[in-house]
Amino acid sequence: MYKERRFLFFISFMLIFALGLLITSMAQAQNWELMPPYNVLWPLWSPALSPKSPTTGLPTPLVTSLTKNTILPVQPAIAWDPTTSFWALYNTPPLFGSGLLFFDRVYGLNPWPPANLKNPTTGAPIPITYTVTWGLLPAPSVTGGDNAYFIPLANATYALTYGLTTAQYLSLLTSAQIWGLPSIVP
């Protein structure tokens, strides 16, 4: 009887220990944050877009929601709808009004939100529904497909559309900055 209790205690301890490791690793592995009201994914893996909080040490998105009136503190930001597209996000320059813009590979530069994220009759948001593992979706590779060229193309399109000065263009984030790659210049 004593050996059975010790064995059950040992098994219980190991199970609790394993679950603790699993839960901790899952919390640290979260790559994305849902951005209301559309539930597009914001990259927690990007140091430029989700710097670590000094109090918690966890990546914290620079914005709390993505609406047509969101003002980004840095440009471009990126957001993802895994079923359709990966977007570069920009602020409309003040001279041209206000609002959030998105750039994608097919439709170019347009006002936020994309048509598939709003009700065509009412204009109300249509939030994306995910499985419970959405936060664990891997970060896209900077070199995968045309991701290495996506941000430079989006930046050039934005700059040409709105006539940015050289200084304004150079203030836009690069692919390397968004993906957190080290500088190639010593």
C-alpha atoms as a PDB file:
ATOM      1  CA  MET A   1       0.000   0.000   0.000  1.00  0.00           C
ATOM      2  CA  TYR A   2       2.827   2.386   0.911  1.00  0.00           C
ATOM      3  CA  LYS A   3       4.613   1.698  -2.421  1.00  0.00           C
ATOM      4  CA  GLU A   4       1.398   2.365  -4.377  1.00  0.00           C
ATOM      5  CA  ARG A   5       0.982   5.754  -2.691  1.00  0.00           C
ATOM      6  CA  ARG A   6       4.597   6.672  -3.397  1.00  0.00           C
ATOM      7  CA  PHE A   7       4.171   5.630  -7.012  1.00  0.00           C
ATOM      8  CA  LEU A   8       0.924   7.669  -7.347  1.00  0.00           C
ATOM      9  CA  PHE A   9       2.617  10.660  -5.688  1.00  0.00           C
ATOM     10  CA  PHE A  10       5.566  10.348  -8.072  1.00  0.00           C
ATOM     11  CA  ILE A  11       3.293  10.089 -11.146  1.00  0.00           C
ATOM     12  CA  SER A  12       1.198  13.065  -9.963  1.00  0.00           C
ATOM     13  CA  PHE A  13       4.310  15.143  -9.357  1.00  0.00           C
ATOM     14  CA  MET A  14       5.714  14.316 -12.809  1.00  0.00           C
ATOM     15  CA  LEU A  15       2.375  15.107 -14.486  1.00  0.00           C
ATOM     16  CA  ILE A  16       2.122  18.496 -12.733  1.00  0.00           C
ATOM     17  CA  PHE A  17       5.765  19.242 -13.576  1.00  0.00           C
ATOM     18  CA  ALA A  18       5.253  18.339 -17.266  1.00  0.00           C
ATOM     19  CA  LEU A  19       2.066  20.405 -17.512  1.00  0.00           C
ATOM     20  CA  GLY A  20       3.876  23.358 -15.932  1.00  0.00           C
ATOM     21  CA  LEU A  21       6.648  23.139 -18.520  1.00  0.00           C
ATOM     22  CA  LEU A  22       4.128  22.828 -21.352  1.00  0.00           C
ATOM     23  CA  ILE A  23       2.074  25.816 -20.210  1.00  0.00           C
ATOM     24  CA  THR A  24       5.186  27.951 -19.659  1.00  0.00           C
ATOM     25  CA  SER A  25       6.615  27.113 -23.085  1.00  0.00           C
ATOM     26  CA  MET A  26       3.252  27.792 -24.758  1.00  0.00           C
ATOM     27  CA  ALA A  27       3.022  31.210 -23.085  1.00  0.00           C
ATOM     28  CA  GLN A  28       6.537  32.076 -24.233  1.00  0.00           C
ATOM     29  CA  ALA A  29       5.923  30.719 -27.731  1.00  0.00           C
ATOM     30  CA  GLN A  30       3.014  33.027 -28.533  1.00  0.00           C
ATOM     31  CA  ASN A  31       3.959  34.769 -31.763  1.00  0.00           C
ATOM     32  CA  TRP A  32       0.868  36.874 -32.394  1.00  0.00           C
ATOM     33  CA  GLU A  33      -1.622  39.166 -30.672  1.00  0.00           C
ATOM     34  CA  LEU A  34      -5.230  39.589 -31.824  1.00  0.00           C
ATOM     35  CA  MET A  35      -5.992  43.177 -32.834  1.00  0.00           C
ATOM     36  CA  PRO A  36      -9.617  44.165 -32.324  1.00  0.00           C
ATOM     37  CA  PRO A  37     -12.092  44.791 -33.828  1.00  0.00           C
ATOM     38  CA  TYR A  38     -11.176  42.621 -36.850  1.00  0.00           C
ATOM     39  CA  ASN A  39      -8.911  40.121 -35.038  1.00  0.00           C
ATOM     40  CA  VAL A  40      -6.047  40.439 -37.490  1.00  0.00           C
ATOM     41  CA  LEU A  41      -2.770  39.185 -36.068  1.00  0.00           C
ATOM     42  CA  TRP A  42      -0.084  41.595 -34.815  1.00  0.00           C
ATOM     43  CA  PRO A  43       3.502  40.242 -34.622  1.00  0.00           C
ATOM     44  CA  LEU A  44       4.809  39.759 -31.091  1.00  0.00           C
ATOM     45  CA  TRP A  45       8.033  38.411 -32.610  1.00  0.00           C
ATOM     46  CA  SER A  46       8.939  41.804 -34.101  1.00  0.00           C
ATOM     47  CA  PRO A  47      11.046  43.906 -31.709  1.00  0.00           C
ATOM     48  CA  ALA A  48      10.229  47.076 -33.687  1.00  0.00           C
ATOM     49  CA  LEU A  49       6.454  46.508 -33.493  1.00  0.00           C
ATOM     50  CA  SER A  50       6.206  44.767 -30.109  1.00  0.00           C
ATOM     51  CA  PRO A  51       9.052  45.890 -27.853  1.00  0.00           C
ATOM     52  CA  LYS A  52       9.481  44.123 -24.520  1.00  0.00           C
ATOM     53  CA  SER A  53       7.630  45.710 -21.628  1.00  0.00           C
ATOM     54  CA  PRO A  54      10.051  46.896 -18.924  1.00  0.00           C
ATOM     55  CA  THR A  55       7.681  45.617 -16.220  1.00  0.00           C
ATOM     56  CA  THR A  56       6.779  42.169 -17.568  1.00  0.00           C
ATOM     57  CA  GLY A  57       9.600  41.476 -20.018  1.00  0.00           C
ATOM     58  CA  LEU A  58       7.018  40.277 -22.553  1.00  0.00           C
ATOM     59  CA  PRO A  59       6.552  41.705 -26.053  1.00  0.00           C
ATOM     60  CA  THR A  60       3.845  44.390 -26.061  1.00  0.00           C
ATOM     61  CA  PRO A  61       2.180  45.657 -29.258  1.00  0.00           C
ATOM     62  CA  LEU A  62       2.709  49.359 -30.003  1.00  0.00           C
ATOM     63  CA  VAL A  63      -1.041  49.770 -30.612  1.00  0.00           C
ATOM     64  CA  THR A  64      -4.084  48.198 -28.959  1.00  0.00           C
ATOM     65  CA  SER A  65      -6.422  48.035 -31.967  1.00  0.00           C
ATOM     66  CA  LEU A  66      -6.436  48.460 -35.731  1.00  0.00           C
ATOM     67  CA  THR A  67      -9.263  50.683 -36.893  1.00  0.00           C
ATOM     68  CA  LYS A  68      -9.452  53.181 -39.729  1.00  0.00           C
ATOM     69  CA  ASN A  69      -8.473  55.872 -37.177  1.00  0.00           C
ATOM     70  CA  THR A  70      -5.465  54.088 -35.647  1.00  0.00           C
ATOM     71  CA  ILE A  71      -2.286  56.150 -35.709  1.00  0.00           C
ATOM     72  CA  LEU A  72       0.868  54.071 -35.921  1.00  0.00           C
ATOM     73  CA  PRO A  73       3.902  55.292 -33.955  1.00  0.00           C
ATOM     74  CA  VAL A  74       6.206  53.617 -36.514  1.00  0.00           C
ATOM     75  CA  GLN A  75       5.689  52.747 -40.168  1.00  0.00           C
ATOM     76  CA  PRO A  76       5.166  50.342 -41.672  1.00  0.00           C
ATOM     77  CA  ALA A  77       3.585  48.004 -39.193  1.00  0.00           C
ATOM     78  CA  ILE A  78       2.440  44.597 -40.344  1.00  0.00           C
ATOM     79  CA  ALA A  79      -0.710  42.584 -39.730  1.00  0.00           C
ATOM     80  CA  TRP A  80      -1.813  39.186 -40.946  1.00  0.00           C
ATOM     81  CA  ASP A  81      -5.018  37.392 -41.800  1.00  0.00           C
ATOM     82  CA  PRO A  82      -3.779  33.806 -42.298  1.00  0.00           C
ATOM     83  CA  THR A  83      -6.686  33.002 -44.610  1.00  0.00           C
ATOM     84  CA  THR A  84      -6.081  35.822 -47.066  1.00  0.00           C
ATOM     85  CA  SER A  85      -3.182  38.220 -46.790  1.00  0.00           C
ATOM     86  CA  PHE A  86      -0.193  39.745 -45.069  1.00  0.00           C
ATOM     87  CA  TRP A  87      -0.312  43.577 -44.980  1.00  0.00           C
ATOM     88  CA  ALA A  88       2.029  46.500 -44.489  1.00  0.00           C
ATOM     89  CA  LEU A  89       0.244  49.292 -42.587  1.00  0.00           C
ATOM     90  CA  TYR A  90       0.825  53.041 -42.912  1.00  0.00           C
ATOM     91  CA  ASN A  91      -0.651  56.315 -41.689  1.00  0.00           C
ATOM     92  CA  THR A  92      -2.226  58.503 -44.356  1.00  0.00           C
ATOM     93  CA  PRO A  93      -0.057  61.646 -44.488  1.00  0.00           C
ATOM     94  CA  PRO A  94      -1.900  64.612 -42.864  1.00  0.00           C
ATOM     95  CA  LEU A  95      -1.921  66.591 -46.131  1.00  0.00           C
ATOM     96  CA  PHE A  96      -4.062  63.803 -47.674  1.00  0.00           C
ATOM     97  CA  GLY A  97      -6.517  63.381 -44.813  1.00  0.00           C
ATOM     98  CA  SER A  98      -6.197  60.853 -42.050  1.00  0.00           C
ATOM     99  CA  GLY A  99      -6.641  57.183 -41.482  1.00  0.00           C
ATOM    100  CA  LEU A 100      -4.863  53.898 -41.675  1.00  0.00           C
ATOM    101  CA  LEU A 101      -3.731  52.441 -45.002  1.00  0.00           C
ATOM    102  CA  PHE A 102      -2.809  48.886 -45.904  1.00  0.00           C
ATOM    103  CA  PHE A 103      -0.638  47.532 -48.682  1.00  0.00           C
ATOM    104  CA  ASP A 104      -0.946  44.005 -50.011  1.00  0.00           C
ATOM    105  CA  ARG A 105       0.596  42.180 -52.954  1.00  0.00           C
ATOM    106  CA  VAL A 106      -2.589  42.078 -55.026  1.00  0.00           C
ATOM    107  CA  TYR A 107      -4.473  45.321 -54.433  1.00  0.00           C
ATOM    108  CA  GLY A 108      -1.645  47.705 -53.576  1.00  0.00           C
ATOM    109  CA  LEU A 109      -2.259  50.627 -51.194  1.00  0.00           C
ATOM    110  CA  ASN A 110      -5.821  51.140 -49.902  1.00  0.00           C
ATOM    111  CA  PRO A 111      -7.720  52.558 -46.901  1.00  0.00           C
ATOM    112  CA  TRP A 112      -8.093  50.230 -43.906  1.00  0.00           C
ATOM    113  CA  PRO A 113      -9.943  47.878 -43.434  1.00  0.00           C
ATOM    114  CA  PRO A 114      -9.906  45.433 -46.344  1.00  0.00           C
ATOM    115  CA  ALA A 115     -13.346  44.702 -47.798  1.00  0.00           C
ATOM    116  CA  ASN A 116     -13.391  41.109 -46.527  1.00  0.00           C
ATOM    117  CA  LEU A 117     -13.209  42.371 -42.920  1.00  0.00           C
ATOM    118  CA  LYS A 118     -16.336  44.533 -42.989  1.00  0.00           C
ATOM    119  CA  ASN A 119     -20.007  43.944 -43.606  1.00  0.00           C
ATOM    120  CA  PRO A 120     -20.780  45.331 -47.100  1.00  0.00           C
ATOM    121  CA  THR A 121     -24.186  46.666 -46.010  1.00  0.00           C
ATOM    122  CA  THR A 122     -23.516  48.102 -42.560  1.00  0.00           C
ATOM    123  CA  GLY A 123     -19.742  48.573 -42.630  1.00  0.00           C
ATOM    124  CA  ALA A 124     -19.531  46.805 -39.245  1.00  0.00           C
ATOM    125  CA  PRO A 125     -16.381  44.787 -38.527  1.00  0.00           C
ATOM    126  CA  ILE A 126     -16.395  41.082 -39.300  1.00  0.00           C
ATOM    127  CA  PRO A 127     -13.891  39.646 -36.807  1.00  0.00           C
ATOM    128  CA  ILE A 128     -11.796  36.702 -37.949  1.00  0.00           C
ATOM    129  CA  THR A 129     -12.438  33.470 -36.043  1.00  0.00           C
ATOM    130  CA  TYR A 130      -9.428  31.301 -35.187  1.00  0.00           C
ATOM    131  CA  THR A 131      -8.703  27.931 -33.667  1.00  0.00           C
ATOM    132  CA  VAL A 132      -7.329  27.992 -30.118  1.00  0.00           C
ATOM    133  CA  THR A 133      -3.732  27.722 -31.384  1.00  0.00           C
ATOM    134  CA  TRP A 134      -3.703  31.013 -33.340  1.00  0.00           C
ATOM    135  CA  GLY A 135      -1.017  32.521 -31.098  1.00  0.00           C
ATOM    136  CA  LEU A 136       1.353  29.694 -31.952  1.00  0.00           C
ATOM    137  CA  LEU A 137       1.256  30.235 -35.717  1.00  0.00           C
ATOM    138  CA  PRO A 138       4.879  30.638 -36.819  1.00  0.00           C
ATOM    139  CA  ALA A 139       6.286  33.976 -37.837  1.00  0.00           C
ATOM    140  CA  PRO A 140       6.692  34.175 -41.610  1.00  0.00           C
ATOM    141  CA  SER A 141      10.262  33.886 -42.775  1.00  0.00           C
ATOM    142  CA  VAL A 142      11.776  37.124 -44.020  1.00  0.00           C
ATOM    143  CA  THR A 143      13.258  35.141 -46.897  1.00  0.00           C
ATOM    144  CA  GLY A 144      10.192  32.989 -47.544  1.00  0.00           C
ATOM    145  CA  GLY A 145       8.565  33.611 -50.912  1.00  0.00           C
ATOM    146  CA  ASP A 146       8.707  37.308 -51.650  1.00  0.00           C
ATOM    147  CA  ASN A 147       8.707  38.478 -48.010  1.00  0.00           C
ATOM    148  CA  ALA A 148      12.204  39.941 -48.398  1.00  0.00           C
ATOM    149  CA  TYR A 149      10.873  42.261 -51.116  1.00  0.00           C
ATOM    150  CA  PHE A 150       7.422  42.898 -49.687  1.00  0.00           C
ATOM    151  CA  ILE A 151       8.369  45.713 -47.279  1.00  0.00           C
ATOM    152  CA  PRO A 152      10.680  47.521 -49.755  1.00  0.00           C
ATOM    153  CA  LEU A 153       7.938  47.339 -52.409  1.00  0.00           C
ATOM    154  CA  ALA A 154       5.309  48.573 -49.937  1.00  0.00           C
ATOM    155  CA  ASN A 155       7.601  51.400 -48.762  1.00  0.00           C
ATOM    156  CA  ALA A 156       8.359  52.476 -52.343  1.00  0.00           C
ATOM    157  CA  THR A 157       4.666  52.406 -53.280  1.00  0.00           C
ATOM    158  CA  TYR A 158       3.761  54.464 -50.221  1.00  0.00           C
ATOM    159  CA  ALA A 159       6.582  56.962 -50.865  1.00  0.00           C
ATOM    160  CA  LEU A 160       5.709  57.394 -54.550  1.00  0.00           C
ATOM    161  CA  THR A 161       1.970  57.663 -53.893  1.00  0.00           C
ATOM    162  CA  TYR A 162       2.368  60.404 -51.306  1.00  0.00           C
ATOM    163  CA  GLY A 163       5.567  62.101 -52.505  1.00  0.00           C
ATOM    164  CA  LEU A 164       7.648  61.473 -49.401  1.00  0.00           C
ATOM    165  CA  THR A 165      10.887  63.348 -48.939  1.00  0.00           C
ATOM    166  CA  THR A 166      14.119  61.391 -48.669  1.00  0.00           C
ATOM    167  CA  ALA A 167      14.133  61.881 -44.889  1.00  0.00           C
ATOM    168  CA  GLN A 168      10.550  60.610 -44.595  1.00  0.00           C
ATOM    169  CA  TYR A 169      11.354  57.605 -46.783  1.00  0.00           C
ATOM    170  CA  LEU A 170      14.460  56.774 -44.760  1.00  0.00           C
ATOM    171  CA  SER A 171      12.410  56.870 -41.540  1.00  0.00           C
ATOM    172  CA  LEU A 172      10.279  53.923 -42.725  1.00  0.00           C
ATOM    173  CA  LEU A 173      11.126  50.572 -41.141  1.00  0.00           C
ATOM    174  CA  THR A 174      13.000  48.059 -43.282  1.00  0.00           C
ATOM    175  CA  SER A 175      12.414  44.314 -43.491  1.00  0.00           C
ATOM    176  CA  ALA A 176      15.480  43.767 -41.298  1.00  0.00           C
ATOM    177  CA  GLN A 177      14.135  46.101 -38.600  1.00  0.00           C
ATOM    178  CA  ILE A 178      10.683  44.529 -38.618  1.00  0.00           C
ATOM    179  CA  TRP A 179      12.056  40.977 -38.470  1.00  0.00           C
ATOM    180  CA  GLY A 180      14.658  41.990 -35.866  1.00  0.00           C
ATOM    181  CA  LEU A 181      17.697  41.054 -37.938  1.00  0.00           C
ATOM    182  CA  PRO A 182      21.114  42.405 -36.956  1.00  0.00           C
ATOM    183  CA  SER A 183      22.723  45.175 -38.990  1.00  0.00           C
ATOM    184  CA  ILE A 184      25.105  44.151 -41.752  1.00  0.00           C
ATOM    185  CA  VAL A 185      27.095  47.360 -41.240  1.00  0.00           C
ATOM    186  CA  PRO A 186      29.628  47.146 -38.376  1.00  0.00           C
END
